[in-house]
Protein backbone atom coordinates (compact mmCIF):
# COMPACT_ATOMS: atom_id res chain seq x y z
CA MET A 1 3.30 232.57 54.67
CA VAL A 2 6.31 232.67 57.03
CA GLU A 3 4.25 233.84 60.00
CA ARG A 4 2.04 230.71 59.71
CA GLU A 5 4.85 228.17 59.41
CA ASN A 6 4.30 226.81 62.91
CA GLN A 7 0.53 226.44 62.46
CA VAL A 8 -0.18 222.77 61.84
CA LEU A 9 -2.24 222.02 58.75
CA GLY A 10 -5.54 220.26 59.39
CA LYS A 11 -6.06 216.66 58.32
CA GLY A 12 -7.11 216.39 54.69
CA PRO A 13 -9.63 213.96 53.16
CA ALA A 14 -6.98 211.31 52.40
CA PHE A 15 -5.23 211.52 55.78
CA GLU A 16 -6.51 208.28 57.35
CA PHE A 17 -5.93 206.34 54.14
CA VAL A 18 -2.32 207.57 53.94
CA GLU A 19 -1.67 207.00 57.64
CA SER A 20 -2.95 203.42 57.43
CA ALA A 21 -0.94 202.72 54.27
CA LEU A 22 2.22 203.88 56.04
CA ALA A 23 1.36 201.56 58.95
CA VAL A 24 1.24 198.69 56.44
CA ASN A 25 4.79 199.60 55.43
CA ASP A 26 5.89 199.10 59.05
CA ARG A 27 4.32 195.64 59.01
CA ILE A 28 6.10 194.78 55.76
CA ARG A 29 9.46 195.80 57.22
CA LYS A 30 8.82 193.60 60.26
CA LEU A 31 7.99 190.75 57.91
CA ASP A 32 11.16 191.26 55.87
CA PRO A 33 13.54 194.16 56.68
CA LYS A 34 15.05 193.88 53.20
CA ASP A 35 11.73 194.26 51.38
CA ASN A 36 11.58 197.65 49.63
CA GLU A 37 8.31 197.01 47.79
CA LEU A 38 6.17 199.36 49.87
CA PHE A 39 3.49 202.01 49.63
CA ASP A 40 5.46 204.97 48.30
CA ILE A 41 3.32 208.05 48.94
CA VAL A 42 4.22 211.38 47.36
CA ILE A 43 2.79 214.82 48.07
CA VAL A 44 2.48 217.05 45.00
CA SER A 45 1.11 220.55 45.34
CA ARG A 46 0.67 223.84 43.49
CA ASN A 47 2.19 225.61 46.49
CA HIS A 48 5.42 227.60 46.32
CA ALA A 49 8.68 226.13 47.58
CA GLN A 50 8.55 228.37 50.69
CA ALA A 51 5.40 226.51 51.79
CA ALA A 52 7.56 223.44 52.38
CA VAL A 53 8.45 224.56 55.91
CA ARG A 54 4.83 224.53 57.12
CA LEU A 55 4.14 221.30 55.25
CA ILE A 56 7.18 219.57 56.75
CA ASN A 57 6.30 220.84 60.22
CA SER A 58 2.81 219.39 59.81
CA ILE A 59 4.08 216.04 58.52
CA ASN A 60 6.40 215.73 61.52
CA HIS A 61 3.63 216.82 63.92
CA TYR A 62 1.47 213.88 62.80
CA GLY A 63 4.41 211.45 62.79
CA LEU A 64 4.05 210.58 59.11
CA CYS A 65 6.91 209.14 57.08
CA LEU A 66 6.40 211.22 53.93
CA GLU A 67 9.72 212.05 52.33
CA ARG A 68 8.80 212.63 48.68
CA ILE A 69 7.37 216.08 47.96
CA THR A 70 6.92 218.22 44.85
CA LEU A 71 5.85 221.86 45.24
CA ALA A 72 5.10 223.07 41.74
CA GLY A 73 4.94 226.81 42.42
CA GLY A 74 1.58 227.34 40.74
CA ALA A 75 2.18 224.92 37.87
CA ASP A 76 0.05 221.85 37.20
CA PRO A 77 1.21 219.25 39.77
CA THR A 78 0.02 216.35 37.62
CA THR A 79 2.90 217.13 35.25
CA TYR A 80 5.15 215.21 37.62
CA LEU A 81 3.09 212.03 38.03
CA GLY A 82 5.05 210.27 35.31
CA ALA A 83 8.35 211.11 36.96
CA TRP A 84 7.04 209.67 40.22
CA LYS A 85 5.62 206.60 38.40
CA ALA A 86 2.29 207.05 40.17
CA ASP A 87 -0.24 204.22 40.20
CA LEU A 88 -2.99 206.35 41.76
CA PHE A 89 -3.58 210.09 42.14
CA LEU A 90 -5.93 211.39 44.86
CA SER A 91 -6.96 215.02 45.11
CA PRO A 92 -9.89 217.14 46.30
CA ASP A 93 -9.48 219.25 43.16
CA GLU A 94 -11.60 217.83 40.35
CA ASP A 95 -9.72 219.77 37.67
CA ASP A 96 -6.42 218.22 38.75
CA VAL A 97 -7.99 214.77 38.81
CA ARG A 98 -9.26 215.22 35.26
CA SER A 99 -5.82 216.46 34.23
CA ALA A 100 -4.25 213.31 35.70
CA ILE A 101 -6.74 211.08 33.91
CA LYS A 102 -6.05 212.81 30.58
CA ALA A 103 -2.36 212.15 31.17
CA GLY A 104 -3.12 208.43 31.59
CA PHE A 105 -3.02 208.05 35.39
CA PRO A 106 -5.75 206.42 37.52
CA ALA A 107 -7.20 209.16 39.70
CA ALA A 108 -10.12 209.96 41.98
CA VAL A 109 -11.61 212.96 43.77
CA VAL A 110 -11.49 212.73 47.58
CA TYR A 111 -13.95 214.59 49.82
CA LYS A 112 -13.75 216.04 53.29
CA TYR A 113 -15.64 213.95 55.84
CA ASN A 114 -16.16 214.24 59.58
CA GLY A 115 -15.63 210.72 60.89
CA GLU A 116 -12.38 209.40 62.33
CA ASP A 117 -13.53 206.18 64.03
CA LEU A 118 -11.64 203.86 61.69
CA PRO A 119 -9.70 200.64 62.35
CA ASN A 120 -6.06 201.32 63.25
CA ASP A 121 -4.84 197.75 62.76
CA GLN A 122 -5.98 197.18 59.17
CA LEU A 123 -6.18 199.18 55.94
CA ARG A 124 -9.64 198.63 54.44
CA ILE A 125 -10.34 199.54 50.81
CA VAL A 126 -13.73 199.19 49.14
CA PHE A 127 -14.07 199.13 45.35
CA ASP A 128 -17.20 199.45 43.29
CA GLY A 129 -17.35 196.98 40.41
CA ASP A 130 -18.55 198.48 37.13
CA ALA A 131 -16.66 201.62 35.99
CA VAL A 132 -14.14 201.21 38.83
CA LEU A 133 -12.53 197.75 38.77
CA PHE A 134 -14.34 196.81 35.55
CA SER A 135 -15.07 198.85 32.46
CA ASP A 136 -18.44 200.59 32.13
CA GLU A 137 -19.62 198.26 29.35
CA ALA A 138 -22.40 196.70 31.44
CA GLU A 139 -23.29 200.02 33.09
CA ARG A 140 -23.83 201.56 29.65
CA VAL A 141 -26.27 198.80 28.76
CA TYR A 142 -28.19 199.47 31.99
CA GLN A 143 -28.22 203.26 31.58
CA GLN A 144 -29.16 203.22 27.89
CA ARG A 145 -31.45 200.19 27.61
CA GLY A 146 -32.73 199.49 31.12
CA PHE A 147 -32.49 196.73 33.71
CA PRO A 148 -34.01 193.82 31.70
CA ALA A 149 -31.53 194.44 28.87
CA PHE A 150 -28.69 194.62 31.39
CA VAL A 151 -29.65 191.27 32.94
CA GLU A 152 -29.91 189.62 29.53
CA ASN A 153 -26.56 191.09 28.47
CA GLU A 154 -24.87 189.69 31.57
CA ARG A 155 -26.55 186.31 31.11
CA GLN A 156 -25.34 186.03 27.53
CA LYS A 157 -21.83 187.20 28.36
CA ALA A 158 -21.42 185.44 31.72
CA GLY A 159 -18.34 183.58 30.48
CA MET A 160 -16.81 186.62 28.77
CA PRO A 161 -14.52 188.63 31.10
CA LEU A 162 -15.22 192.33 31.43
CA ASP A 163 -12.58 194.77 30.25
CA GLU A 164 -10.38 196.45 32.84
CA GLY A 165 -11.62 199.53 34.65
CA PRO A 166 -9.51 202.50 35.81
CA LEU A 167 -8.54 201.02 39.22
CA ARG A 168 -7.86 197.46 38.16
CA LYS A 169 -4.07 198.01 38.16
CA PHE A 170 -4.13 199.65 41.58
CA ALA A 171 -6.19 196.78 43.00
CA SER A 172 -3.63 194.33 41.62
CA ARG A 173 -0.86 196.28 43.35
CA ILE A 174 -2.74 196.00 46.62
CA ALA A 175 -3.24 192.26 46.10
CA ALA A 176 0.51 191.82 45.52
CA ILE A 177 1.25 193.46 48.88
CA GLN A 178 -1.33 191.23 50.56
CA GLU A 179 0.32 188.17 49.06
CA LYS A 180 3.49 188.87 51.08
CA PHE A 181 1.52 188.16 54.25
CA HIS A 182 -0.53 185.28 52.83
CA THR A 183 2.62 183.51 51.66
CA LYS A 184 4.10 183.58 55.16
CA GLU A 185 0.73 182.68 56.69
CA VAL A 186 0.58 185.69 58.98
CA PRO A 187 -2.37 188.09 59.50
CA CYS A 188 -2.62 190.58 56.67
CA PRO A 189 -2.96 194.31 57.55
CA ILE A 190 -4.97 195.00 54.38
CA ARG A 191 -8.51 193.89 53.56
CA THR A 192 -10.20 194.55 50.23
CA TYR A 193 -13.87 194.56 49.32
CA ILE A 194 -16.10 194.82 46.27
CA LEU A 195 -19.41 196.52 46.99
CA THR A 196 -21.45 196.51 43.81
CA ALA A 197 -25.02 197.46 42.93
CA ARG A 198 -25.19 194.31 40.79
CA SER A 199 -27.61 191.57 41.78
CA GLY A 200 -26.00 188.29 42.72
CA ALA A 201 -27.95 185.52 40.99
CA SER A 202 -28.82 187.47 37.85
CA ALA A 203 -25.62 189.47 37.26
CA GLY A 204 -22.95 188.40 39.72
CA LYS A 205 -21.39 185.47 37.92
CA ARG A 206 -19.65 187.51 35.23
CA ALA A 207 -18.02 189.77 37.83
CA ILE A 208 -16.57 186.84 39.78
CA LEU A 209 -15.37 185.03 36.66
CA THR A 210 -13.68 188.24 35.51
CA LEU A 211 -11.73 188.47 38.75
CA ARG A 212 -10.80 184.81 38.37
CA GLU A 213 -9.60 185.39 34.81
CA TRP A 214 -7.43 188.28 35.98
CA GLY A 215 -6.09 186.35 38.96
CA LEU A 216 -7.17 189.24 41.17
CA LYS A 217 -7.96 188.23 44.73
CA ILE A 218 -10.51 190.35 46.61
CA ASP A 219 -11.24 189.40 50.22
CA GLU A 220 -14.97 190.12 50.34
CA CYS A 221 -17.70 190.75 47.79
CA THR A 222 -21.21 192.09 48.36
CA PHE A 223 -23.86 192.15 45.63
CA ASN A 224 -26.17 194.88 46.87
CA ALA A 225 -28.87 194.41 44.22
CA GLY A 226 -29.52 198.13 43.86
CA ALA A 227 -29.88 198.91 47.57
CA SER A 228 -28.10 201.83 49.22
CA LYS A 229 -24.46 201.08 50.00
CA ALA A 230 -24.40 203.26 53.12
CA ALA A 231 -25.37 200.57 55.64
CA MET A 232 -22.78 198.11 54.34
CA LEU A 233 -20.11 200.82 54.34
CA LYS A 234 -20.90 201.63 57.98
CA ALA A 235 -20.37 197.97 58.81
CA ILE A 236 -17.09 197.74 56.88
CA LYS A 237 -15.61 201.09 58.07
CA PRO A 238 -13.28 201.54 55.10
CA HIS A 239 -10.38 203.97 54.96
CA LEU A 240 -11.44 204.72 51.40
CA PHE A 241 -14.44 203.81 49.24
CA PHE A 242 -14.05 204.11 45.47
CA ASP A 243 -17.20 204.57 43.37
CA ASP A 244 -18.16 206.25 40.10
CA SER A 245 -21.71 207.14 41.18
CA PRO A 246 -22.25 210.64 42.66
CA SER A 247 -25.30 209.38 44.57
CA HIS A 248 -23.30 206.57 46.21
CA ILE A 249 -20.55 209.03 47.12
CA ASP A 250 -23.12 211.38 48.67
CA ALA A 251 -24.63 208.51 50.67
CA ALA A 252 -21.19 207.55 51.98
CA LEU A 253 -20.38 211.12 52.98
CA GLU A 254 -23.72 211.39 54.81
CA GLU A 255 -22.51 208.54 57.02
CA ASN A 256 -19.02 210.08 57.39
CA ILE A 257 -17.41 207.39 55.26
CA PRO A 258 -14.24 208.52 53.43
CA ALA A 259 -15.07 208.32 49.75
CA ALA A 260 -13.38 208.93 46.40
CA ARG A 261 -15.25 209.44 43.14
CA VAL A 262 -13.72 207.79 40.10
CA LEU A 263 -14.28 210.09 37.11
CA TYR A 264 -14.92 207.50 34.46
CA GLY A 265 -17.64 206.12 32.24
CA ILE A 266 -21.21 207.00 31.41
CA LYS A 267 -22.11 208.33 34.86
CA ASP A 268 -19.25 210.79 34.76
CA GLU A 269 -20.31 211.89 31.27
CA LYS A 270 -23.69 212.80 32.76
CA VAL A 271 -22.08 214.68 35.65
CA GLU A 272 -19.90 216.69 33.27
CA ALA A 273 -22.97 217.59 31.25
CA LYS A 274 -24.77 218.80 34.40
CA PRO A 275 -22.32 220.04 37.09
CA ALA A 276 -23.30 219.94 40.77
CA GLU A 277 -24.80 223.19 42.04
CA LYS A 278 -22.93 225.26 44.57
CA GLY A 279 -23.54 224.08 48.13
CA THR A 280 -24.19 220.44 47.29
CA LYS A 281 -22.21 217.74 49.03
CA ARG A 282 -20.03 216.91 46.05
CA GLY A 283 -17.53 219.21 44.44
CA ARG A 284 -15.18 221.95 45.52
CA GLU A 285 -17.76 223.84 47.62
CA ARG A 286 -17.92 221.02 50.18
CA LEU A 287 -14.14 220.94 50.45
CA VAL A 288 -13.73 224.54 51.57
CA GLU A 289 -16.37 224.56 54.30
CA SER A 290 -13.87 224.26 57.16
CA ASP A 291 -10.48 225.77 57.94
CA GLY A 292 -8.97 222.29 57.97
CA ALA A 293 -10.15 221.69 54.44
CA LYS A 294 -8.82 225.06 53.31
CA GLY A 295 -5.45 224.30 54.84
CA THR A 296 -5.10 221.02 53.03
CA LEU A 297 -6.89 221.74 49.76
CA LYS A 298 -3.73 221.83 47.68
CA GLU A 299 -1.96 218.79 49.11
CA HIS A 300 -2.42 215.89 46.69
CA PHE A 301 -1.41 212.29 47.16
CA PRO A 302 -0.12 210.17 44.27
CA VAL A 303 0.14 206.67 45.68
CA LYS A 304 2.48 204.19 44.11
CA LYS A 305 4.16 200.90 44.95
CA THR A 306 7.78 200.86 43.96
CA LYS A 307 11.20 199.56 44.75
CA SER A 308 13.46 202.26 46.13
């Protein structure tokens, strides 16, 4: 361990997202030096305390302002999410993500990807709709009863807001940060998107009215009507794409789009019943293909917005 302390860790799957979030903090401080309501990013890891030297050396090498660290010495790192008041937990380890979810924290699995050509002047976050921002109520109708029943369900309930999904709170936190810039009428360094498989005319109204009921502002919304999301993601170039569908995550990774799978709802129930085979694009096998992934496998990122 000691002999490798000066070897810089490779960039992990959440690196660009974290780097861009920290850049937003710089913009907030320029807007109001007294504003302490920032992205507060914490590293929690199963590593031993002695691993801190290499981790700190790597953080400083990349010029990241990451001051909060928990090295759990082999214990479950999600134990400390409550103490850190985390609003979101990101990890390449599916077991840790499930542990965080069971403890009541929004969480998603992040995957190693090869692309780095991302905007450096704006943090871009793409959310799926059903089972991510919204509950999986409508998705269950589609999966269990088919598309015609889904369309009829959404027609009948168009004026009835959907229940909250696992990332609704996190999206609201992002919107609150954006509002700082909108209020002062200056360009905002964050842009949010909904990219949903829903059709617009037949099933889009309920989604928009739900956002309106919540008072949640999303910058852009695309109803993809069942088409692949890959082309739209390539156009957006997000720093992170949240989706519950393994097939949509795979399509994003094929295009080198940073993606995070939200383990929630009926699609995740199917995945748990039939795990991905070794060597497929999803899961732990993909994450340990390169030395960079191995070096960063145990660094996890709970993201929270707090006053400090």
